C-alpha atoms as a PDB file:
ATOM      1  CA  MET A   1      -0.009  -0.065   0.126  1.00  0.00           C
ATOM      2  CA  LYS A   2       3.028   2.538   0.914  1.00  0.00           C
ATOM      3  CA  ILE A   3       5.172   1.469  -2.465  1.00  0.00           C
ATOM      4  CA  VAL A   4       1.121   2.903  -4.337  1.00  0.00           C
ATOM      5  CA  ALA A   5       0.429   5.684  -2.082  1.00  0.00           C
ATOM      6  CA  SER A   6       3.809   7.149  -3.359  1.00  0.00           C
ATOM      7  CA  ALA A   7       3.795   6.151  -6.688  1.00  0.00           C
ATOM      8  CA  THR A   8       1.091   8.012  -6.886  1.00  0.00           C
ATOM      9  CA  ALA A   9       1.870  11.605  -5.113  1.00  0.00           C
ATOM     10  CA  LEU A  10       5.343  11.283  -7.328  1.00  0.00           C
ATOM     11  CA  LEU A  11       2.823  11.615 -10.211  1.00  0.00           C
ATOM     12  CA  LEU A  12       0.811  13.768  -8.952  1.00  0.00           C
ATOM     13  CA  ALA A  13       4.153  16.043  -7.491  1.00  0.00           C
ATOM     14  CA  ALA A  14       5.347  15.453 -11.980  1.00  0.00           C
ATOM     15  CA  THR A  15       1.416  16.278 -12.960  1.00  0.00           C
ATOM     16  CA  LEU A  16       1.828  20.071 -10.683  1.00  0.00           C
ATOM     17  CA  LEU A  17       4.525  20.752 -12.222  1.00  0.00           C
ATOM     18  CA  ALA A  18       4.258  19.862 -15.600  1.00  0.00           C
ATOM     19  CA  GLN A  19       0.890  21.749 -15.786  1.00  0.00           C
ATOM     20  CA  PRO A  20       0.717  24.578 -18.526  1.00  0.00           C
ATOM     21  CA  ALA A  21       0.022  28.269 -17.972  1.00  0.00           C
ATOM     22  CA  PHE A  22      -3.927  28.923 -18.955  1.00  0.00           C
ATOM     23  CA  ALA A  23      -4.516  32.708 -20.837  1.00  0.00           C
ATOM     24  CA  GLU A  24      -7.767  35.014 -19.906  1.00  0.00           C
ATOM     25  CA  GLY A  25     -11.077  33.547 -21.918  1.00  0.00           C
ATOM     26  CA  ASP A  26     -12.955  36.670 -23.169  1.00  0.00           C
ATOM     27  CA  ALA A  27     -16.936  35.357 -22.042  1.00  0.00           C
ATOM     28  CA  ALA A  28     -18.239  38.342 -23.930  1.00  0.00           C
ATOM     29  CA  ALA A  29     -17.050  37.006 -26.946  1.00  0.00           C
ATOM     30  CA  GLY A  30     -17.232  33.273 -25.880  1.00  0.00           C
ATOM     31  CA  LYS A  31     -20.937  34.072 -25.133  1.00  0.00           C
ATOM     32  CA  GLU A  32     -21.731  34.563 -29.076  1.00  0.00           C
ATOM     33  CA  LEU A  33     -19.711  31.660 -30.229  1.00  0.00           C
ATOM     34  CA  GLY A  34     -20.861  28.907 -26.943  1.00  0.00           C
ATOM     35  CA  TYR A  35     -24.224  29.250 -27.498  1.00  0.00           C
ATOM     36  CA  THR A  36     -23.814  26.483 -29.635  1.00  0.00           C
ATOM     37  CA  CYS A  37     -22.739  24.273 -27.039  1.00  0.00           C
ATOM     38  CA  LEU A  38     -26.421  24.974 -24.990  1.00  0.00           C
ATOM     39  CA  GLY A  39     -28.169  23.278 -27.914  1.00  0.00           C
ATOM     40  CA  CYS A  40     -27.358  20.285 -25.776  1.00  0.00           C
ATOM     41  CA  HIS A  41     -25.389  21.803 -22.395  1.00  0.00           C
ATOM     42  CA  GLY A  42     -28.279  23.918 -21.863  1.00  0.00           C
ATOM     43  CA  ILE A  43     -31.913  21.476 -21.916  1.00  0.00           C
ATOM     44  CA  GLU A  44     -31.248  19.545 -17.504  1.00  0.00           C
ATOM     45  CA  GLY A  45     -30.366  16.339 -18.698  1.00  0.00           C
ATOM     46  CA  TYR A  46     -30.496  15.419 -22.822  1.00  0.00           C
ATOM     47  CA  ARG A  47     -28.919  12.718 -23.065  1.00  0.00           C
ATOM     48  CA  ASN A  48     -25.364  11.239 -24.935  1.00  0.00           C
ATOM     49  CA  ALA A  49     -26.939   8.661 -27.056  1.00  0.00           C
ATOM     50  CA  TYR A  50     -24.833   5.450 -27.207  1.00  0.00           C
ATOM     51  CA  PRO A  51     -23.168   4.543 -24.401  1.00  0.00           C
ATOM     52  CA  SER A  52     -26.691   6.833 -22.969  1.00  0.00           C
ATOM     53  CA  TYR A  53     -25.838   9.282 -20.015  1.00  0.00           C
ATOM     54  CA  ARG A  54     -26.685  12.935 -19.897  1.00  0.00           C
ATOM     55  CA  VAL A  55     -24.060  15.865 -20.805  1.00  0.00           C
ATOM     56  CA  PRO A  56     -21.945  16.971 -18.440  1.00  0.00           C
ATOM     57  CA  LYS A  57     -22.953  20.416 -16.245  1.00  0.00           C
ATOM     58  CA  LEU A  58     -20.185  23.103 -17.762  1.00  0.00           C
ATOM     59  CA  GLY A  59     -21.907  26.470 -16.031  1.00  0.00           C
ATOM     60  CA  GLY A  60     -18.749  27.791 -13.373  1.00  0.00           C
ATOM     61  CA  GLN A  61     -16.351  24.705 -14.775  1.00  0.00           C
ATOM     62  CA  LYS A  62     -12.829  25.374 -14.756  1.00  0.00           C
ATOM     63  CA  ALA A  63     -11.856  27.299 -17.660  1.00  0.00           C
ATOM     64  CA  GLY A  64      -8.348  25.630 -17.281  1.00  0.00           C
ATOM     65  CA  TYR A  65     -10.208  22.178 -18.212  1.00  0.00           C
ATOM     66  CA  LEU A  66     -12.702  23.229 -20.403  1.00  0.00           C
ATOM     67  CA  GLU A  67      -9.647  24.730 -21.729  1.00  0.00           C
ATOM     68  CA  ILE A  68      -7.191  21.623 -21.912  1.00  0.00           C
ATOM     69  CA  ALA A  69     -11.161  19.379 -23.339  1.00  0.00           C
ATOM     70  CA  LEU A  70     -12.417  21.353 -26.309  1.00  0.00           C
ATOM     71  CA  LYS A  71      -8.503  21.276 -27.919  1.00  0.00           C
ATOM     72  CA  GLY A  72      -8.378  17.338 -26.886  1.00  0.00           C
ATOM     73  CA  TYR A  73     -12.126  16.686 -28.749  1.00  0.00           C
ATOM     74  CA  ARG A  74     -10.402  19.413 -31.952  1.00  0.00           C
ATOM     75  CA  ASP A  75      -7.148  17.360 -32.030  1.00  0.00           C
ATOM     76  CA  GLY A  76      -8.994  14.239 -31.704  1.00  0.00           C
ATOM     77  CA  THR A  77      -7.100  12.767 -27.689  1.00  0.00           C
ATOM     78  CA  ARG A  78     -10.281  12.234 -26.432  1.00  0.00           C
ATOM     79  CA  GLN A  79     -12.936  11.144 -28.533  1.00  0.00           C
ATOM     80  CA  HIS A  80     -16.380  11.934 -28.668  1.00  0.00           C
ATOM     81  CA  PRO A  81     -17.875  12.797 -32.526  1.00  0.00           C
ATOM     82  CA  THR A  82     -20.564  15.021 -31.452  1.00  0.00           C
ATOM     83  CA  MET A  83     -17.390  17.184 -29.631  1.00  0.00           C
ATOM     84  CA  ALA A  84     -14.984  17.379 -31.707  1.00  0.00           C
ATOM     85  CA  ALA A  85     -17.252  17.728 -35.170  1.00  0.00           C
ATOM     86  CA  GLN A  86     -18.299  21.650 -32.816  1.00  0.00           C
ATOM     87  CA  ALA A  87     -14.960  22.020 -31.755  1.00  0.00           C
ATOM     88  CA  THR A  88     -12.349  21.167 -34.417  1.00  0.00           C
ATOM     89  CA  SER A  89     -12.700  24.119 -36.755  1.00  0.00           C
ATOM     90  CA  LEU A  90     -12.255  26.185 -33.548  1.00  0.00           C
ATOM     91  CA  THR A  91      -8.930  28.505 -33.019  1.00  0.00           C
ATOM     92  CA  ASP A  92      -6.945  28.566 -29.582  1.00  0.00           C
ATOM     93  CA  GLN A  93      -8.554  31.738 -28.496  1.00  0.00           C
ATOM     94  CA  GLU A  94     -12.288  30.639 -29.247  1.00  0.00           C
ATOM     95  CA  ILE A  95     -11.833  27.886 -27.263  1.00  0.00           C
ATOM     96  CA  GLN A  96     -10.116  30.167 -24.348  1.00  0.00           C
ATOM     97  CA  ASP A  97     -13.434  32.386 -24.850  1.00  0.00           C
ATOM     98  CA  VAL A  98     -15.613  29.714 -25.126  1.00  0.00           C
ATOM     99  CA  SER A  99     -14.144  28.640 -22.020  1.00  0.00           C
ATOM    100  CA  ALA A 100     -13.788  31.452 -20.460  1.00  0.00           C
ATOM    101  CA  TYR A 101     -17.842  31.688 -20.768  1.00  0.00           C
ATOM    102  CA  LEU A 102     -18.813  28.383 -19.222  1.00  0.00           C
ATOM    103  CA  ALA A 103     -16.849  29.072 -16.218  1.00  0.00           C
ATOM    104  CA  SER A 104     -18.980  31.281 -15.526  1.00  0.00           C
ATOM    105  CA  ILE A 105     -22.546  30.306 -15.963  1.00  0.00           C
ATOM    106  CA  GLY A 106     -23.773  30.572 -12.682  1.00  0.00           C
ATOM    107  CA  GLY A 107     -21.229  28.653  -9.781  1.00  0.00           C
ATOM    108  CA  ASP A 108     -21.860  30.600  -7.303  1.00  0.00           C
ATOM    109  CA  SER A 109     -21.071  27.509  -4.831  1.00  0.00           C
ATOM    110  CA  VAL A 110     -18.449  27.271  -7.227  1.00  0.00           C
ATOM    111  CA  ALA A 111     -16.792  30.061  -6.191  1.00  0.00           C
ATOM    112  CA  ALA A 112     -18.359  29.543  -2.989  1.00  0.00           C
ATOM    113  CA  GLY A 113     -16.349  26.949  -2.576  1.00  0.00           C
ATOM    114  CA  GLY A 114     -20.258  24.601  -2.151  1.00  0.00           C
ATOM    115  CA  THR A 115     -21.317  23.208   0.429  1.00  0.00           C
ATOM    116  CA  GLN A 116     -19.677  20.272   2.838  1.00  0.00           C
ATOM    117  CA  GLY A 117     -21.963  16.825   2.328  1.00  0.00           C
ATOM    118  CA  THR A 118     -21.283  14.232   4.350  1.00  0.00           C
ATOM    119  CA  SER A 119     -18.130  12.668   5.279  1.00  0.00           C
ATOM    120  CA  PHE A 120     -17.344   9.415   2.102  1.00  0.00           C
ATOM    121  CA  ASP A 121     -13.522   7.982   3.169  1.00  0.00           C
ATOM    122  CA  LYS A 122     -13.493   6.482  -0.832  1.00  0.00           C
ATOM    123  CA  ALA A 123     -13.645   9.835  -1.520  1.00  0.00           C
ATOM    124  CA  ALA A 124     -10.167  10.868  -0.058  1.00  0.00           C
ATOM    125  CA  ALA A 125      -8.047   9.432  -3.250  1.00  0.00           C
ATOM    126  CA  CYS A 126     -10.109  12.686  -5.163  1.00  0.00           C
ATOM    127  CA  THR A 127      -9.375  15.508  -2.644  1.00  0.00           C
ATOM    128  CA  ALA A 128      -5.955  15.691  -3.893  1.00  0.00           C
ATOM    129  CA  CYS A 129      -6.711  17.273  -7.032  1.00  0.00           C
ATOM    130  CA  HIS A 130     -10.788  17.360  -7.164  1.00  0.00           C
ATOM    131  CA  GLY A 131     -11.186  19.435  -3.681  1.00  0.00           C
ATOM    132  CA  GLN A 132     -12.208  18.596  -0.208  1.00  0.00           C
ATOM    133  CA  ASN A 133     -15.868  18.837  -1.642  1.00  0.00           C
ATOM    134  CA  GLY A 134     -15.385  18.008  -5.352  1.00  0.00           C
ATOM    135  CA  ILE A 135     -15.224  21.767  -6.363  1.00  0.00           C
ATOM    136  CA  SER A 136     -10.989  21.542  -7.962  1.00  0.00           C
ATOM    137  CA  VAL A 137      -7.976  23.232  -6.721  1.00  0.00           C
ATOM    138  CA  ASN A 138      -6.261  23.592 -10.024  1.00  0.00           C
ATOM    139  CA  ALA A 139      -7.708  25.821 -13.257  1.00  0.00           C
ATOM    140  CA  ALA A 140      -6.440  22.688 -15.218  1.00  0.00           C
ATOM    141  CA  TRP A 141      -8.564  19.485 -13.085  1.00  0.00           C
ATOM    142  CA  PRO A 142     -11.954  19.023 -13.314  1.00  0.00           C
ATOM    143  CA  THR A 143     -14.381  20.152 -10.405  1.00  0.00           C
ATOM    144  CA  LEU A 144     -16.400  16.911  -9.911  1.00  0.00           C
ATOM    145  CA  ALA A 145     -19.587  18.935  -7.337  1.00  0.00           C
ATOM    146  CA  GLY A 146     -23.040  18.784  -8.467  1.00  0.00           C
ATOM    147  CA  GLN A 147     -22.400  16.830 -12.065  1.00  0.00           C
ATOM    148  CA  HIS A 148     -24.553  14.092 -13.691  1.00  0.00           C
ATOM    149  CA  GLU A 149     -23.721  10.764 -11.067  1.00  0.00           C
ATOM    150  CA  ASP A 150     -24.837   8.858 -14.234  1.00  0.00           C
ATOM    151  CA  TYR A 151     -21.519  10.846 -16.303  1.00  0.00           C
ATOM    152  CA  LEU A 152     -19.328  10.312 -13.519  1.00  0.00           C
ATOM    153  CA  PHE A 153     -19.977   6.883 -13.923  1.00  0.00           C
ATOM    154  CA  ASN A 154     -19.704   6.622 -17.817  1.00  0.00           C
ATOM    155  CA  ALA A 155     -16.905   9.047 -17.231  1.00  0.00           C
ATOM    156  CA  LEU A 156     -14.345   6.952 -14.285  1.00  0.00           C
ATOM    157  CA  ASN A 157     -15.415   3.609 -16.681  1.00  0.00           C
ATOM    158  CA  GLN A 158     -14.117   4.885 -19.424  1.00  0.00           C
ATOM    159  CA  TYR A 159     -10.712   5.749 -17.248  1.00  0.00           C
ATOM    160  CA  ARG A 160     -11.499   2.229 -16.007  1.00  0.00           C
ATOM    161  CA  ASP A 161     -11.655   0.119 -19.196  1.00  0.00           C
ATOM    162  CA  GLY A 162      -9.268   2.090 -20.585  1.00  0.00           C
ATOM    163  CA  THR A 163     -11.418   4.128 -23.715  1.00  0.00           C
ATOM    164  CA  ARG A 164     -10.518   8.145 -22.119  1.00  0.00           C
ATOM    165  CA  LYS A 165      -6.540   8.193 -21.492  1.00  0.00           C
ATOM    166  CA  ASP A 166      -5.223  10.573 -18.974  1.00  0.00           C
ATOM    167  CA  PRO A 167      -1.795   9.778 -16.790  1.00  0.00           C
ATOM    168  CA  VAL A 168      -2.417  10.577 -14.153  1.00  0.00           C
ATOM    169  CA  MET A 169      -6.982   9.836 -13.675  1.00  0.00           C
ATOM    170  CA  SER A 170      -5.917   6.146 -15.491  1.00  0.00           C
ATOM    171  CA  ALA A 171      -4.218   5.206 -12.756  1.00  0.00           C
ATOM    172  CA  GLN A 172      -6.174   6.210 -10.265  1.00  0.00           C
ATOM    173  CA  ALA A 173      -9.266   4.620 -11.496  1.00  0.00           C
ATOM    174  CA  ALA A 174      -7.115   1.513 -11.998  1.00  0.00           C
ATOM    175  CA  LEU A 175      -7.478   1.608  -7.651  1.00  0.00           C
ATOM    176  CA  ILE A 176     -10.904   1.772  -7.815  1.00  0.00           C
ATOM    177  CA  ALA A 177     -13.231  -1.098  -6.579  1.00  0.00           C
ATOM    178  CA  GLU A 178     -15.454  -2.400  -9.650  1.00  0.00           C
ATOM    179  CA  GLU A 179     -18.428  -2.240  -5.824  1.00  0.00           C
ATOM    180  CA  ASP A 180     -17.583   2.024  -5.294  1.00  0.00           C
ATOM    181  CA  VAL A 181     -17.663   3.754  -8.763  1.00  0.00           C
ATOM    182  CA  ALA A 182     -20.882   3.715  -8.414  1.00  0.00           C
ATOM    183  CA  LYS A 183     -20.753   4.944  -4.692  1.00  0.00           C
ATOM    184  CA  LEU A 184     -18.765   7.699  -5.713  1.00  0.00           C
ATOM    185  CA  ALA A 185     -20.431   8.648  -8.672  1.00  0.00           C
ATOM    186  CA  ARG A 186     -23.634   9.437  -6.548  1.00  0.00           C
ATOM    187  CA  TYR A 187     -21.088  11.642  -3.398  1.00  0.00           C
ATOM    188  CA  TYR A 188     -19.958  14.010  -5.918  1.00  0.00           C
ATOM    189  CA  SER A 189     -23.422  14.183  -7.836  1.00  0.00           C
ATOM    190  CA  ARG A 190     -24.880  15.074  -4.403  1.00  0.00           C
ATOM    191  CA  LEU A 191     -22.778  18.034  -3.508  1.00  0.00           C
ATOM    192  CA  GLU A 192     -23.556  21.774  -4.363  1.00  0.00           C
ATOM    193  CA  GLY A 193     -20.970  22.776  -7.369  1.00  0.00           C
ATOM    194  CA  LEU A 194     -21.351  23.049 -11.248  1.00  0.00           C
ATOM    195  CA  GLU A 195     -24.860  23.895 -13.164  1.00  0.00           C
ATOM    196  CA  THR A 196     -26.904  22.908 -16.400  1.00  0.00           C
ATOM    197  CA  THR A 197     -25.697  26.228 -18.550  1.00  0.00           C
ATOM    198  CA  ARG A 198     -29.038  27.504 -19.578  1.00  0.00           C
ATOM    199  CA  PRO A 199     -29.488  30.016 -22.196  1.00  0.00           C
ATOM    200  CA  GLU A 200     -30.633  33.047 -20.309  1.00  0.00           C
END
């Protein structure tokens, strides 16, 4: 167990040192560009066709994380046909602007640090990156608090089976017992945080 903990600590330290700097986007410009995002992410409970799970809430998500995700879809390192099609034509500046806009929507509880949920021991390893209340401590890592339960469940399983790739998350997800995946998804979904990006 000590070897796993040490390896995890080293991996996290290396990741922290390698974090990219994020340029601040223009949320007003991003609002114009990001309007099409609301066609899926602005509908409460809207679902991905297959496999069926609710599309993620983006209101109040970290702009840096959104930037990484959009660039991943654009460059092919993240796989999702609809998202790849949306991101393909975006420039770096447009991605920064859209990310700034989405991060600025709602998210009062995210900005305030969320509300403390009931402690869950299985989430202890997650707090190093995703924060004590599921509110990320780093711009490059996603906030989990308030995210849809089925989306979190699907994402964790994709990291576990290698469908979704990330050096830190793939290693961490491999350590999660199968029966705990659903428990973690439920725990984070019940914390106060992210919001559906509703049109005004």
